[in-house]
Amino acid sequence: MMSIILGWFSGHAASDITPSEIETQFNGLDNRGRMPATLNRCRALLSLAYSLANRNGKLAVNPARLVRLKRGNNARVRFRDEVEEATLRAKIRELHPKLEPEFDLANHTGMRRGEQYRLRWENVSLKMGIITIPRSKHGERRYIPINSAAQVALETLAASTNGSPYVCSGSKAERSKDPRRWFQEVAREARMPDFRWHDLRHTFASRLVMAGVDLGTVQELMGHKTITMTGAVCSPGAGAPAGGN
């Protein structure tokens, strides 16, 4: 998709591109039958490129942000800021204190919900600082580095594993429940009913980009099939398939 954008604006100075020019190009794709979600991802990728230029002091504008999202897109991308994180954490400690390490593990690894709750200790190397996902959504093996916060979460979980082969163990009855339920309760009580477990993954990706990690590395860590999806997920206000990235 980036090749399409480059084809549109090759030879143009990024500072001279206007929202109306971007809109015209998007309308051309729309008229050729592209789905709204595809158009919105294209907008998101362009907006992300401008945002990175803004943060690096190369540009002071982002015309892509002024281009409206296409209707018909049922996607959503939600990010958590520091205040919301503190609010969620306080509610977790109040309602489900034993599950705080699971929250931290999601926060600092970007694993999909299913990957985290199927993760076995045999695929975790605290010594090497690596989590192995044997088979991710797209069928490939992937590796996730363990940062200091994830290390603490894993050590806490290991101390309460009671011999279970699963990292997020709990009882058999607890493991049979959808882990979203307790988190939905927390979000509701924290007055953030629109915040979902999958949004922790979006936040992880966005924070990597804001820390200066290149999109290719973020794509690899997230297990995205295309870098376009990575760009869409990392750009606030962008559209991406809910729960599917």
Protein backbone atom coordinates (compact mmCIF):
# COMPACT_ATOMS: atom_id res chain seq x y z
CA MET A 1 0.00 0.00 0.00
CA MET A 2 2.91 2.36 0.60
CA SER A 3 3.88 1.88 -3.05
CA ILE A 4 0.44 3.24 -4.02
CA ILE A 5 0.95 6.31 -1.84
CA LEU A 6 4.43 6.90 -3.25
CA GLY A 7 3.01 6.61 -6.76
CA TRP A 8 0.46 9.32 -5.99
CA PHE A 9 2.87 11.87 -4.60
CA SER A 10 6.21 11.07 -6.22
CA GLY A 11 8.03 14.33 -6.86
CA HIS A 12 5.88 16.27 -4.40
CA ALA A 13 7.30 17.91 -1.28
CA ALA A 14 5.59 16.35 1.72
CA SER A 15 4.93 19.81 3.18
CA ASP A 16 3.04 20.86 0.03
CA ILE A 17 0.55 17.97 -0.09
CA THR A 18 -2.93 19.12 0.92
CA PRO A 19 -5.85 17.23 2.46
CA SER A 20 -7.88 17.82 -0.71
CA GLU A 21 -5.17 16.17 -2.85
CA ILE A 22 -5.15 13.16 -0.56
CA GLU A 23 -8.95 13.02 -0.62
CA THR A 24 -8.90 13.07 -4.42
CA GLN A 25 -6.57 10.10 -4.56
CA PHE A 26 -8.65 8.18 -2.01
CA ASN A 27 -11.81 8.89 -3.97
CA GLY A 28 -10.14 7.39 -7.02
CA LEU A 29 -9.55 4.15 -5.09
CA ASP A 30 -13.10 4.31 -3.77
CA ASN A 31 -14.48 4.57 -7.31
CA ARG A 32 -12.49 1.49 -8.27
CA GLY A 33 -14.29 -0.54 -5.63
CA ARG A 34 -11.84 -0.54 -2.73
CA MET A 35 -13.49 -1.31 0.62
CA PRO A 36 -13.76 1.51 3.21
CA ALA A 37 -11.48 -0.36 5.63
CA THR A 38 -8.77 -0.54 2.94
CA LEU A 39 -9.05 3.19 2.26
CA ASN A 40 -8.88 3.96 5.98
CA ARG A 41 -5.77 1.84 6.39
CA CYS A 42 -4.17 3.74 3.55
CA ARG A 43 -5.01 7.01 5.29
CA ALA A 44 -3.62 5.63 8.55
CA LEU A 45 -0.31 4.64 6.98
CA LEU A 46 0.10 8.06 5.40
CA SER A 47 -0.85 9.75 8.67
CA LEU A 48 1.71 7.65 10.53
CA ALA A 49 4.46 8.69 8.10
CA TYR A 50 3.60 12.33 8.74
CA SER A 51 3.44 11.78 12.50
CA LEU A 52 6.94 10.29 12.51
CA ALA A 53 8.19 13.28 10.51
CA ASN A 54 6.48 15.61 13.02
CA ARG A 55 8.14 13.91 15.99
CA ASN A 56 11.55 14.09 14.31
CA GLY A 57 11.17 17.79 13.59
CA LYS A 58 11.08 17.33 9.81
CA LEU A 59 7.55 18.65 9.32
CA ALA A 60 5.00 20.67 11.27
CA VAL A 61 1.88 19.48 9.44
CA ASN A 62 -0.08 16.27 8.96
CA PRO A 63 -2.66 16.75 6.18
CA ALA A 64 -3.73 13.09 6.35
CA ARG A 65 -5.30 13.72 9.76
CA LEU A 66 -7.73 16.14 8.13
CA VAL A 67 -9.00 13.52 5.68
CA ARG A 68 -12.23 11.96 6.91
CA LEU A 69 -12.49 8.24 7.52
CA LYS A 70 -14.70 6.43 5.04
CA ARG A 71 -18.14 5.38 6.25
CA GLY A 72 -19.04 1.74 6.34
CA ASN A 73 -15.92 0.85 8.27
CA ASN A 74 -16.82 -1.07 11.40
CA ALA A 75 -13.26 -1.05 12.65
CA ARG A 76 -11.86 0.54 15.73
CA VAL A 77 -8.45 1.16 17.19
CA ARG A 78 -8.29 2.28 20.80
CA PHE A 79 -5.19 3.28 22.75
CA ARG A 80 -4.66 3.64 26.46
CA ASP A 81 -2.91 6.68 27.91
CA GLU A 82 -1.05 6.84 31.23
CA VAL A 83 -4.05 8.12 33.18
CA GLU A 84 -6.28 5.36 31.85
CA GLU A 85 -3.63 2.77 32.67
CA ALA A 86 -3.45 3.96 36.25
CA THR A 87 -7.24 3.85 36.52
CA LEU A 88 -7.44 0.34 35.07
CA ARG A 89 -4.65 -0.88 37.32
CA ALA A 90 -6.36 0.51 40.42
CA LYS A 91 -9.56 -1.35 39.50
CA ILE A 92 -7.67 -4.58 38.80
CA ARG A 93 -6.08 -4.37 42.24
CA GLU A 94 -9.49 -3.76 43.75
CA LEU A 95 -11.44 -6.46 41.88
CA HIS A 96 -8.93 -9.04 40.61
CA PRO A 97 -5.53 -8.42 42.22
CA LYS A 98 -4.13 -11.86 41.32
CA LEU A 99 -4.64 -11.07 37.63
CA GLU A 100 -2.50 -7.94 37.52
CA PRO A 101 0.53 -9.88 36.17
CA GLU A 102 -1.60 -11.06 33.24
CA PHE A 103 -2.45 -7.42 32.51
CA ASP A 104 1.23 -6.49 32.65
CA LEU A 105 2.22 -9.38 30.41
CA ALA A 106 -0.24 -8.22 27.75
CA ASN A 107 0.92 -4.62 28.16
CA HIS A 108 4.58 -5.43 27.58
CA THR A 109 4.56 -8.21 25.01
CA GLY A 110 1.73 -7.34 22.62
CA MET A 111 0.64 -10.97 22.48
CA ARG A 112 -2.79 -11.75 21.13
CA ARG A 113 -5.20 -12.90 23.81
CA GLY A 114 -5.21 -16.48 22.56
CA GLU A 115 -1.42 -16.55 22.36
CA GLN A 116 -1.07 -15.37 25.93
CA TYR A 117 -3.58 -17.78 27.40
CA ARG A 118 -2.19 -20.74 25.44
CA LEU A 119 1.42 -19.87 26.29
CA ARG A 120 3.28 -22.70 28.01
CA TRP A 121 6.33 -22.39 30.22
CA GLU A 122 8.34 -24.52 27.80
CA ASN A 123 8.11 -21.60 25.37
CA VAL A 124 9.40 -19.02 27.85
CA SER A 125 13.11 -18.50 28.48
CA LEU A 126 13.63 -16.06 31.33
CA LYS A 127 17.38 -16.64 31.09
CA MET A 128 17.53 -15.65 27.42
CA GLY A 129 14.71 -13.12 27.74
CA ILE A 130 12.64 -14.57 24.91
CA ILE A 131 9.04 -15.77 24.51
CA THR A 132 8.45 -18.13 21.61
CA ILE A 133 5.05 -18.21 19.92
CA PRO A 134 5.22 -21.62 18.17
CA ARG A 135 2.37 -20.87 15.79
CA SER A 136 0.84 -17.41 15.56
CA LYS A 137 -2.31 -16.33 13.76
CA HIS A 138 -0.69 -16.53 10.33
CA GLY A 139 0.99 -19.86 10.99
CA GLU A 140 4.54 -18.69 11.57
CA ARG A 141 6.79 -18.98 14.61
CA ARG A 142 7.67 -15.68 16.21
CA TYR A 143 9.82 -14.44 19.06
CA ILE A 144 9.04 -11.69 21.57
CA PRO A 145 11.75 -10.13 23.76
CA ILE A 146 11.00 -9.98 27.47
CA ASN A 147 11.47 -6.48 28.89
CA SER A 148 11.90 -5.76 32.60
CA ALA A 149 8.17 -5.31 33.28
CA ALA A 150 7.28 -8.54 31.46
CA GLN A 151 10.07 -10.28 33.40
CA VAL A 152 8.51 -9.25 36.73
CA ALA A 153 5.06 -10.36 35.54
CA LEU A 154 6.39 -13.75 34.43
CA GLU A 155 8.29 -14.29 37.68
CA THR A 156 5.14 -13.50 39.65
CA LEU A 157 3.11 -15.90 37.52
CA ALA A 158 5.78 -18.59 37.88
CA ALA A 159 5.59 -18.33 41.67
CA SER A 160 1.88 -19.19 41.60
CA THR A 161 1.82 -21.73 38.78
CA ASN A 162 1.24 -24.76 41.03
CA GLY A 163 2.79 -27.06 38.47
CA SER A 164 0.60 -25.96 35.57
CA PRO A 165 2.29 -26.02 32.15
CA TYR A 166 0.48 -22.76 31.28
CA VAL A 167 1.92 -19.34 32.08
CA CYS A 168 -1.51 -17.91 32.84
CA SER A 169 -2.62 -21.00 34.71
CA GLY A 170 -5.37 -20.60 37.27
CA SER A 171 -7.69 -23.51 37.95
CA LYS A 172 -9.15 -25.63 35.16
CA ALA A 173 -12.46 -23.85 35.65
CA GLU A 174 -10.79 -20.45 35.43
CA ARG A 175 -8.93 -21.41 32.26
CA SER A 176 -12.20 -22.48 30.62
CA LYS A 177 -13.59 -18.94 30.98
CA ASP A 178 -13.04 -16.25 28.41
CA PRO A 179 -10.30 -14.01 29.90
CA ARG A 180 -12.05 -11.00 28.42
CA ARG A 181 -14.81 -11.25 31.02
CA TRP A 182 -12.83 -10.11 34.02
CA PHE A 183 -11.19 -7.37 31.99
CA GLN A 184 -14.53 -6.15 30.67
CA GLU A 185 -15.73 -5.93 34.25
CA VAL A 186 -12.65 -3.90 35.18
CA ALA A 187 -13.06 -1.56 32.20
CA ARG A 188 -16.74 -1.07 32.98
CA GLU A 189 -16.05 -0.28 36.64
CA ALA A 190 -13.25 2.08 35.56
CA ARG A 191 -15.82 3.88 33.35
CA MET A 192 -14.02 2.83 30.17
CA PRO A 193 -16.57 0.37 28.73
CA ASP A 194 -15.21 0.84 25.20
CA PHE A 195 -11.75 -0.38 26.18
CA ARG A 196 -11.11 -4.01 25.28
CA TRP A 197 -8.37 -6.52 25.97
CA HIS A 198 -7.17 -6.28 22.37
CA ASP A 199 -6.57 -2.55 22.84
CA LEU A 200 -3.64 -3.45 25.12
CA ARG A 201 -2.00 -4.87 22.00
CA HIS A 202 -2.70 -1.68 20.06
CA THR A 203 -1.15 0.36 22.86
CA PHE A 204 1.96 -1.85 22.92
CA ALA A 205 2.50 -1.33 19.19
CA SER A 206 1.86 2.40 19.33
CA ARG A 207 4.31 2.90 22.19
CA LEU A 208 7.03 1.04 20.29
CA VAL A 209 6.64 3.42 17.35
CA MET A 210 6.63 6.46 19.64
CA ALA A 211 9.86 5.14 21.19
CA GLY A 212 11.46 5.19 17.75
CA VAL A 213 11.22 1.48 16.84
CA ASP A 214 10.94 1.10 13.07
CA LEU A 215 7.74 -0.30 11.54
CA GLY A 216 9.44 -3.43 10.21
CA THR A 217 10.52 -4.44 13.71
CA VAL A 218 7.08 -3.63 15.14
CA GLN A 219 5.50 -5.74 12.38
CA GLU A 220 7.71 -8.67 13.35
CA LEU A 221 7.01 -8.32 17.07
CA MET A 222 3.27 -8.05 16.50
CA GLY A 223 3.11 -10.93 14.02
CA HIS A 224 1.35 -8.84 11.39
CA LYS A 225 1.20 -10.25 7.89
CA THR A 226 1.69 -6.85 6.27
CA ILE A 227 3.36 -3.62 7.30
CA THR A 228 0.19 -1.80 6.23
CA MET A 229 -1.65 -3.42 9.12
CA THR A 230 1.13 -2.35 11.47
CA GLY A 231 0.86 1.23 10.25
CA ALA A 232 -2.91 1.21 10.70
CA VAL A 233 -2.73 -0.16 14.23
CA CYS A 234 -0.04 2.31 15.30
CA SER A 235 -1.82 5.42 14.09
CA PRO A 236 -4.39 6.92 16.52
CA GLY A 237 -7.75 7.42 14.86
CA ALA A 238 -7.01 4.81 12.25
CA GLY A 239 -9.23 1.94 11.26
CA ALA A 240 -8.23 -1.68 11.64
CA PRO A 241 -10.27 -4.84 12.00
CA ALA A 242 -11.50 -5.12 15.56
CA GLY A 243 -9.80 -8.03 17.26
CA GLY A 244 -8.18 -9.17 14.05
CA ASN A 245 -4.74 -7.63 14.04
